[in-house]
């Protein structure tokens, strides 16, 4: 057996929050290259639809785009239900949606802090919780939470205290 055959994901379903651009898009492409059907979940529906169409065309897998604000429990639960209904299962949930605000700690407002924490940390919790319920019911699955080395070290200059704190918390989730 070829070692790459061990990495095949034919017949599997993955969704990626923040999947329309950047790291999330790269993750979605990787899953599609391995044969998984993918749901591109993003707050930017236009970008999510474009990424889903590109992946379907380039890799021949089934895709869907779903607009979701990961800070809203009802939207996350609805998204997970849509993925499960559309594909019939969820094998991999990637909680990747995140933002960084380049604001020094002594200048950051509470609203700016809360926005980063809500997307980067609470969004991971809500995504994992909703996906986990489906995975428990179906007998298994994998949840992947995107953290950052910035949760362990402070790159300088890097005026991103809320980002660093949120990613440190994500890296400690079990």
Protein backbone atom coordinates (compact mmCIF):
# COMPACT_ATOMS: atom_id res chain seq x y z
CA UNK A 1 0.00 0.00 0.00
CA UNK A 2 1.22 3.48 -0.87
CA UNK A 3 1.64 5.62 2.25
CA UNK A 4 -0.49 8.36 0.67
CA UNK A 5 -3.42 5.93 0.56
CA UNK A 6 -3.50 6.13 4.36
CA UNK A 7 -4.35 9.81 4.05
CA UNK A 8 -7.30 9.38 1.67
CA UNK A 9 -10.56 10.89 2.85
CA UNK A 10 -12.88 9.56 0.15
CA UNK A 11 -16.44 9.41 1.49
CA UNK A 12 -15.67 11.74 4.40
CA UNK A 13 -17.22 15.15 5.07
CA UNK A 14 -15.43 18.14 6.56
CA UNK A 15 -16.52 21.68 7.33
CA UNK A 16 -14.16 24.57 7.89
CA UNK A 17 -15.17 27.81 9.63
CA UNK A 18 -13.36 30.79 8.18
CA UNK A 19 -12.99 28.56 5.12
CA UNK A 20 -13.40 31.16 2.39
CA UNK A 21 -9.92 32.69 2.55
CA UNK A 22 -6.43 32.33 3.97
CA UNK A 23 -5.58 29.38 6.19
CA UNK A 24 -9.17 28.13 6.15
CA UNK A 25 -9.25 28.00 2.36
CA UNK A 26 -5.93 26.14 2.33
CA UNK A 27 -7.31 23.62 4.83
CA UNK A 28 -10.44 23.14 2.70
CA UNK A 29 -8.34 22.57 -0.41
CA UNK A 30 -6.23 20.02 1.47
CA UNK A 31 -9.31 18.06 2.52
CA UNK A 32 -10.68 18.19 -1.02
CA UNK A 33 -7.34 17.00 -2.45
CA UNK A 34 -7.58 14.04 -0.08
CA UNK A 35 -11.08 13.30 -1.42
CA UNK A 36 -13.38 14.72 1.28
CA UNK A 37 -16.53 16.65 0.49
CA UNK A 38 -16.31 20.08 2.12
CA UNK A 39 -18.54 22.79 3.52
CA UNK A 40 -17.05 26.27 3.36
CA UNK A 41 -18.37 28.17 6.37
CA UNK A 42 -17.74 31.90 6.53
CA UNK A 43 -19.41 35.17 7.42
CA UNK A 44 -18.52 36.40 3.89
CA UNK A 45 -21.00 34.43 1.77
CA UNK A 46 -19.73 35.75 -1.56
CA UNK A 47 -16.19 34.57 -0.80
CA UNK A 48 -17.50 31.25 0.60
CA UNK A 49 -19.49 30.57 -2.57
CA UNK A 50 -16.50 31.41 -4.77
CA UNK A 51 -14.21 29.11 -2.77
CA UNK A 52 -16.77 26.29 -2.78
CA UNK A 53 -17.21 26.58 -6.55
CA UNK A 54 -13.43 26.67 -7.11
CA UNK A 55 -12.86 23.57 -4.97
CA UNK A 56 -15.70 21.62 -6.60
CA UNK A 57 -14.33 22.45 -10.06
CA UNK A 58 -10.68 21.80 -9.27
CA UNK A 59 -11.03 18.63 -7.18
CA UNK A 60 -14.37 17.08 -8.20
CA UNK A 61 -15.75 16.87 -4.66
CA UNK A 62 -19.14 18.01 -3.39
CA UNK A 63 -19.14 21.41 -1.74
CA UNK A 64 -21.55 23.77 -0.07
CA UNK A 65 -21.13 27.34 1.18
CA UNK A 66 -22.85 28.38 4.41
CA UNK A 67 -22.92 31.88 5.87
CA UNK A 68 -22.37 31.70 9.62
CA UNK A 69 -21.41 34.08 12.39
CA UNK A 70 -19.51 31.77 14.76
CA UNK A 71 -20.27 34.05 17.72
CA UNK A 72 -23.97 33.23 17.50
CA UNK A 73 -24.95 29.83 18.92
CA UNK A 74 -28.14 29.60 16.85
CA UNK A 75 -26.24 30.24 13.60
CA UNK A 76 -23.56 27.67 14.48
CA UNK A 77 -26.18 25.05 15.38
CA UNK A 78 -28.06 25.80 12.15
CA UNK A 79 -24.85 25.51 10.12
CA UNK A 80 -23.98 22.13 11.64
CA UNK A 81 -27.52 20.92 10.95
CA UNK A 82 -27.25 22.08 7.32
CA UNK A 83 -23.92 20.31 6.80
CA UNK A 84 -25.30 17.13 8.36
CA UNK A 85 -28.52 17.29 6.32
CA UNK A 86 -26.73 18.08 3.06
CA UNK A 87 -24.01 15.42 3.32
CA UNK A 88 -25.62 12.95 5.74
CA UNK A 89 -22.74 13.05 8.22
CA UNK A 90 -19.86 15.15 9.59
CA UNK A 91 -16.47 13.48 9.93
CA UNK A 92 -14.27 16.52 10.50
CA UNK A 93 -15.08 19.91 12.00
CA UNK A 94 -12.35 22.54 11.70
CA UNK A 95 -12.94 25.53 13.98
CA UNK A 96 -10.69 27.96 12.17
CA UNK A 97 -12.55 31.31 12.02
CA UNK A 98 -10.48 34.02 13.66
CA UNK A 99 -9.41 37.64 13.57
CA UNK A 100 -6.57 39.76 14.91
CA UNK A 101 -6.72 43.43 15.76
CA UNK A 102 -3.37 45.19 15.83
CA UNK A 103 -4.06 47.36 18.84
CA UNK A 104 -1.70 47.82 21.76
CA UNK A 105 -3.04 46.49 25.08
CA UNK A 106 -3.06 49.94 26.69
CA UNK A 107 -5.13 51.32 23.80
CA UNK A 108 -7.51 48.42 23.17
CA UNK A 109 -11.14 49.05 24.03
CA UNK A 110 -13.24 46.46 25.82
CA UNK A 111 -15.41 46.17 22.67
CA UNK A 112 -12.32 45.37 20.56
CA UNK A 113 -11.14 42.81 23.12
CA UNK A 114 -14.57 41.19 23.28
CA UNK A 115 -14.87 40.97 19.48
CA UNK A 116 -11.61 39.03 19.18
CA UNK A 117 -12.41 36.75 22.14
CA UNK A 118 -15.94 36.08 20.84
CA UNK A 119 -14.76 35.05 17.36
CA UNK A 120 -11.48 33.32 18.23
CA UNK A 121 -12.46 31.54 21.43
CA UNK A 122 -16.22 31.46 21.91
CA UNK A 123 -16.63 30.60 18.22
CA UNK A 124 -14.36 27.57 18.69
CA UNK A 125 -16.40 26.43 21.71
CA UNK A 126 -19.74 26.84 19.93
CA UNK A 127 -18.46 25.06 16.82
CA UNK A 128 -16.96 22.15 18.75
CA UNK A 129 -20.04 21.79 20.92
CA UNK A 130 -22.49 21.70 18.00
CA UNK A 131 -20.33 19.40 15.87
CA UNK A 132 -19.59 17.18 18.85
CA UNK A 133 -23.28 16.45 19.38
CA UNK A 134 -23.57 15.18 15.80
CA UNK A 135 -20.36 13.18 16.08
CA UNK A 136 -21.43 11.54 19.34
CA UNK A 137 -24.75 10.54 17.76
CA UNK A 138 -23.04 9.08 14.67
CA UNK A 139 -20.34 7.28 16.65
CA UNK A 140 -17.26 9.39 15.95
CA UNK A 141 -15.51 12.21 14.16
CA UNK A 142 -12.66 14.66 14.60
CA UNK A 143 -12.72 18.25 15.82
CA UNK A 144 -9.72 20.43 14.98
CA UNK A 145 -9.31 23.85 16.61
CA UNK A 146 -6.91 26.34 15.04
CA UNK A 147 -4.62 27.92 17.63
CA UNK A 148 -1.40 29.86 17.02
CA UNK A 149 2.18 29.94 18.17
CA UNK A 150 1.27 33.43 19.35
CA UNK A 151 -0.63 31.76 22.16
CA UNK A 152 2.72 30.55 23.54
CA UNK A 153 5.21 33.24 22.60
CA UNK A 154 4.96 36.97 22.01
CA UNK A 155 6.37 38.01 18.69
CA UNK A 156 7.65 41.56 18.85
CA UNK A 157 6.39 43.90 17.85
CA UNK A 158 2.94 42.36 17.96
CA UNK A 159 0.27 44.55 19.47
CA UNK A 160 -2.33 41.77 19.56
CA UNK A 161 -3.04 41.04 23.22
CA UNK A 162 -6.59 39.74 22.65
CA UNK A 163 -5.45 37.54 19.76
CA UNK A 164 -2.60 36.08 21.81
CA UNK A 165 -4.88 35.45 24.80
CA UNK A 166 -7.59 33.83 22.67
CA UNK A 167 -5.14 31.54 20.87
CA UNK A 168 -3.48 30.54 24.15
CA UNK A 169 -6.90 29.52 25.44
CA UNK A 170 -7.68 27.56 22.25
CA UNK A 171 -4.39 25.69 22.54
CA UNK A 172 -5.46 24.50 26.00
CA UNK A 173 -8.91 23.19 24.97
CA UNK A 174 -9.26 19.44 25.28
